[in-house]
C-alpha atoms as a PDB file:
ATOM      1  CA  MET A   1       5.726  22.461 -26.637  1.00  0.00           C
ATOM      2  CA  SER A   2       6.500  24.588 -23.609  1.00  0.00           C
ATOM      3  CA  SER A   3       6.661  23.310 -20.068  1.00  0.00           C
ATOM      4  CA  PHE A   4       3.558  25.352 -19.274  1.00  0.00           C
ATOM      5  CA  ASP A   5       1.597  23.713 -22.110  1.00  0.00           C
ATOM      6  CA  GLU A   6       2.701  20.264 -20.962  1.00  0.00           C
ATOM      7  CA  ARG A   7       1.581  20.992 -17.405  1.00  0.00           C
ATOM      8  CA  LYS A   8      -1.719  22.402 -18.655  1.00  0.00           C
ATOM      9  CA  ASP A   9      -2.329  19.270 -20.739  1.00  0.00           C
ATOM     10  CA  ALA A  10      -1.455  17.051 -17.784  1.00  0.00           C
ATOM     11  CA  PHE A  11      -3.888  18.918 -15.516  1.00  0.00           C
ATOM     12  CA  GLU A  12      -6.623  18.706 -18.144  1.00  0.00           C
ATOM     13  CA  LYS A  13      -6.078  14.949 -18.534  1.00  0.00           C
ATOM     14  CA  LYS A  14      -6.107  14.460 -14.764  1.00  0.00           C
ATOM     15  CA  PHE A  15      -9.301  16.493 -14.437  1.00  0.00           C
ATOM     16  CA  ALA A  16     -11.004  14.455 -17.190  1.00  0.00           C
ATOM     17  CA  HIS A  17      -9.830  11.224 -15.579  1.00  0.00           C
ATOM     18  CA  ASP A  18     -11.061  12.292 -12.134  1.00  0.00           C
ATOM     19  CA  GLU A  19     -14.455  13.309 -13.567  1.00  0.00           C
ATOM     20  CA  GLU A  20     -14.770   9.963 -15.340  1.00  0.00           C
ATOM     21  CA  LEU A  21     -13.988   8.102 -12.109  1.00  0.00           C
ATOM     22  CA  ALA A  22     -16.502  10.209 -10.169  1.00  0.00           C
ATOM     23  CA  PHE A  23     -19.187   9.434 -12.780  1.00  0.00           C
ATOM     24  CA  LYS A  24     -18.413   5.709 -12.618  1.00  0.00           C
ATOM     25  CA  VAL A  25     -18.517   5.711  -8.811  1.00  0.00           C
ATOM     26  CA  GLU A  26     -21.868   7.501  -8.739  1.00  0.00           C
ATOM     27  CA  ALA A  27     -23.327   5.168 -11.387  1.00  0.00           C
ATOM     28  CA  ARG A  28     -22.058   2.070  -9.546  1.00  0.00           C
ATOM     29  CA  CYS A  29     -23.411   3.406  -6.260  1.00  0.00           C
ATOM     30  CA  SER A  30     -26.806   3.969  -7.866  1.00  0.00           C
ATOM     31  CA  LYS A  31     -26.818   0.436  -9.244  1.00  0.00           C
ATOM     32  CA  LEU A  32     -25.843  -1.160  -5.919  1.00  0.00           C
ATOM     33  CA  PHE A  33     -28.401   0.953  -4.087  1.00  0.00           C
ATOM     34  CA  GLY A  34     -31.032   0.121  -6.712  1.00  0.00           C
ATOM     35  CA  LEU A  35     -30.369  -3.590  -6.261  1.00  0.00           C
ATOM     36  CA  TRP A  36     -30.758  -3.196  -2.484  1.00  0.00           C
ATOM     37  CA  VAL A  37     -34.070  -1.369  -2.888  1.00  0.00           C
ATOM     38  CA  ALA A  38     -35.238  -3.949  -5.432  1.00  0.00           C
ATOM     39  CA  GLU A  39     -34.535  -6.760  -2.977  1.00  0.00           C
ATOM     40  CA  THR A  40     -36.164  -4.784  -0.176  1.00  0.00           C
ATOM     41  CA  ILE A  41     -39.389  -4.337  -2.143  1.00  0.00           C
ATOM     42  CA  GLY A  42     -39.416  -7.982  -3.225  1.00  0.00           C
ATOM     43  CA  LEU A  43     -37.977  -7.926  -6.731  1.00  0.00           C
ATOM     44  CA  GLU A  44     -35.661 -10.677  -7.927  1.00  0.00           C
ATOM     45  CA  GLY A  45     -33.590 -11.611 -10.959  1.00  0.00           C
ATOM     46  CA  ALA A  46     -34.281  -9.688 -14.144  1.00  0.00           C
ATOM     47  CA  ASP A  47     -36.899  -7.526 -12.406  1.00  0.00           C
ATOM     48  CA  ALA A  48     -34.325  -6.455  -9.803  1.00  0.00           C
ATOM     49  CA  ASP A  49     -31.752  -5.712 -12.519  1.00  0.00           C
ATOM     50  CA  SER A  50     -34.304  -3.685 -14.475  1.00  0.00           C
ATOM     51  CA  TYR A  51     -35.251  -1.721 -11.356  1.00  0.00           C
ATOM     52  CA  ALA A  52     -31.569  -0.997 -10.630  1.00  0.00           C
ATOM     53  CA  ARG A  53     -31.171   0.347 -14.188  1.00  0.00           C
ATOM     54  CA  GLU A  54     -34.158   2.634 -13.578  1.00  0.00           C
ATOM     55  CA  VAL A  55     -32.461   3.940 -10.430  1.00  0.00           C
ATOM     56  CA  VAL A  56     -29.236   4.582 -12.358  1.00  0.00           C
ATOM     57  CA  ALA A  57     -31.215   6.435 -15.050  1.00  0.00           C
ATOM     58  CA  ALA A  58     -33.005   8.487 -12.385  1.00  0.00           C
ATOM     59  CA  ASN A  59     -29.631   9.565 -11.018  1.00  0.00           C
ATOM     60  CA  LEU A  60     -28.858  11.368 -14.266  1.00  0.00           C
ATOM     61  CA  GLU A  61     -31.535  13.989 -13.598  1.00  0.00           C
ATOM     62  CA  GLU A  62     -29.471  16.189 -11.266  1.00  0.00           C
ATOM     63  CA  PRO A  63     -26.211  16.168  -9.296  1.00  0.00           C
ATOM     64  CA  GLY A  64     -26.251  14.245  -6.042  1.00  0.00           C
ATOM     65  CA  PHE A  65     -28.621  11.535  -4.929  1.00  0.00           C
ATOM     66  CA  ASP A  66     -31.876  13.398  -4.264  1.00  0.00           C
ATOM     67  CA  ASP A  67     -33.172  12.254  -7.643  1.00  0.00           C
ATOM     68  CA  ILE A  68     -32.788   8.561  -6.798  1.00  0.00           C
ATOM     69  CA  LYS A  69     -34.374   9.131  -3.410  1.00  0.00           C
ATOM     70  CA  ARG A  70     -37.393  10.636  -5.193  1.00  0.00           C
ATOM     71  CA  LYS A  71     -37.448   7.539  -7.407  1.00  0.00           C
ATOM     72  CA  VAL A  72     -37.358   4.918  -4.650  1.00  0.00           C
ATOM     73  CA  MET A  73     -39.327   6.518  -1.798  1.00  0.00           C
ATOM     74  CA  PRO A  74     -42.749   6.038  -3.466  1.00  0.00           C
ATOM     75  CA  ASP A  75     -41.856   2.426  -4.300  1.00  0.00           C
ATOM     76  CA  ILE A  76     -40.907   1.778  -0.683  1.00  0.00           C
ATOM     77  CA  ALA A  77     -44.077   3.509   0.546  1.00  0.00           C
ATOM     78  CA  ALA A  78     -46.215   1.474  -1.879  1.00  0.00           C
ATOM     79  CA  LYS A  79     -44.992  -1.687  -0.135  1.00  0.00           C
ATOM     80  CA  ASN A  80     -45.820  -0.161   3.272  1.00  0.00           C
ATOM     81  CA  LEU A  81     -42.207  -0.552   4.380  1.00  0.00           C
ATOM     82  CA  ASP A  82     -41.070   1.541   7.319  1.00  0.00           C
ATOM     83  CA  ILE A  83     -37.755   2.772   5.928  1.00  0.00           C
ATOM     84  CA  SER A  84     -36.864   6.320   6.907  1.00  0.00           C
ATOM     85  CA  GLU A  85     -35.051   8.842   4.763  1.00  0.00           C
ATOM     86  CA  HIS A  86     -32.188   8.552   7.251  1.00  0.00           C
ATOM     87  CA  VAL A  87     -31.883   4.830   6.478  1.00  0.00           C
ATOM     88  CA  ILE A  88     -32.011   5.607   2.751  1.00  0.00           C
ATOM     89  CA  ASP A  89     -29.211   8.180   3.187  1.00  0.00           C
ATOM     90  CA  SER A  90     -27.159   5.668   5.200  1.00  0.00           C
ATOM     91  CA  MET A  91     -27.556   3.004   2.532  1.00  0.00           C
ATOM     92  CA  ILE A  92     -26.585   5.430  -0.229  1.00  0.00           C
ATOM     93  CA  GLU A  93     -23.484   6.367   1.762  1.00  0.00           C
ATOM     94  CA  LYS A  94     -22.649   2.689   2.327  1.00  0.00           C
ATOM     95  CA  TYR A  95     -22.995   1.878  -1.372  1.00  0.00           C
ATOM     96  CA  PHE A  96     -21.070   5.002  -2.362  1.00  0.00           C
ATOM     97  CA  GLU A  97     -18.081   3.814  -0.334  1.00  0.00           C
ATOM     98  CA  GLU A  98     -18.444   0.285  -1.725  1.00  0.00           C
ATOM     99  CA  ALA A  99     -18.676   1.623  -5.286  1.00  0.00           C
ATOM    100  CA  LYS A 100     -15.632   3.827  -4.764  1.00  0.00           C
ATOM    101  CA  ALA A 101     -13.618   0.836  -3.535  1.00  0.00           C
ATOM    102  CA  GLN A 102     -14.749  -1.295  -6.484  1.00  0.00           C
ATOM    103  CA  ILE A 103     -13.960   1.360  -9.083  1.00  0.00           C
ATOM    104  CA  MET A 104     -10.570   2.173  -7.564  1.00  0.00           C
ATOM    105  CA  GLU A 105      -9.679  -1.516  -7.437  1.00  0.00           C
ATOM    106  CA  ALA A 106     -10.730  -2.001 -11.058  1.00  0.00           C
ATOM    107  CA  ASN A 107      -8.833   1.143 -12.044  1.00  0.00           C
ATOM    108  CA  ASN A 108      -5.678  -0.062 -10.315  1.00  0.00           C
ATOM    109  CA  ASN A 109      -5.937  -3.527 -11.880  1.00  0.00           C
ATOM    110  CA  GLY A 110      -6.835  -2.309 -15.353  1.00  0.00           C
END
């Protein structure tokens, strides 16, 4: 195998690895955010876990987090909670950073 082929294979493996990590971070972020929303709207235990799974599933609709915002905003409104889109964005950002730290730590330890 030529040096070029080896480099190409290494880049392809790195790209696949980076994409897998990005997917895991986004899924973990969605779960953490979903658990926060669940608690905020009064869900506990298995109901909160189920709601978080729904948020994760909603995040598979399109790139980014607009899809999960569309999922949770009506649920927040139904409880008459005064939580702005800015707060939602801030919480997503917070949980994104937390998810990234968790996944990187697990990746480094595993």
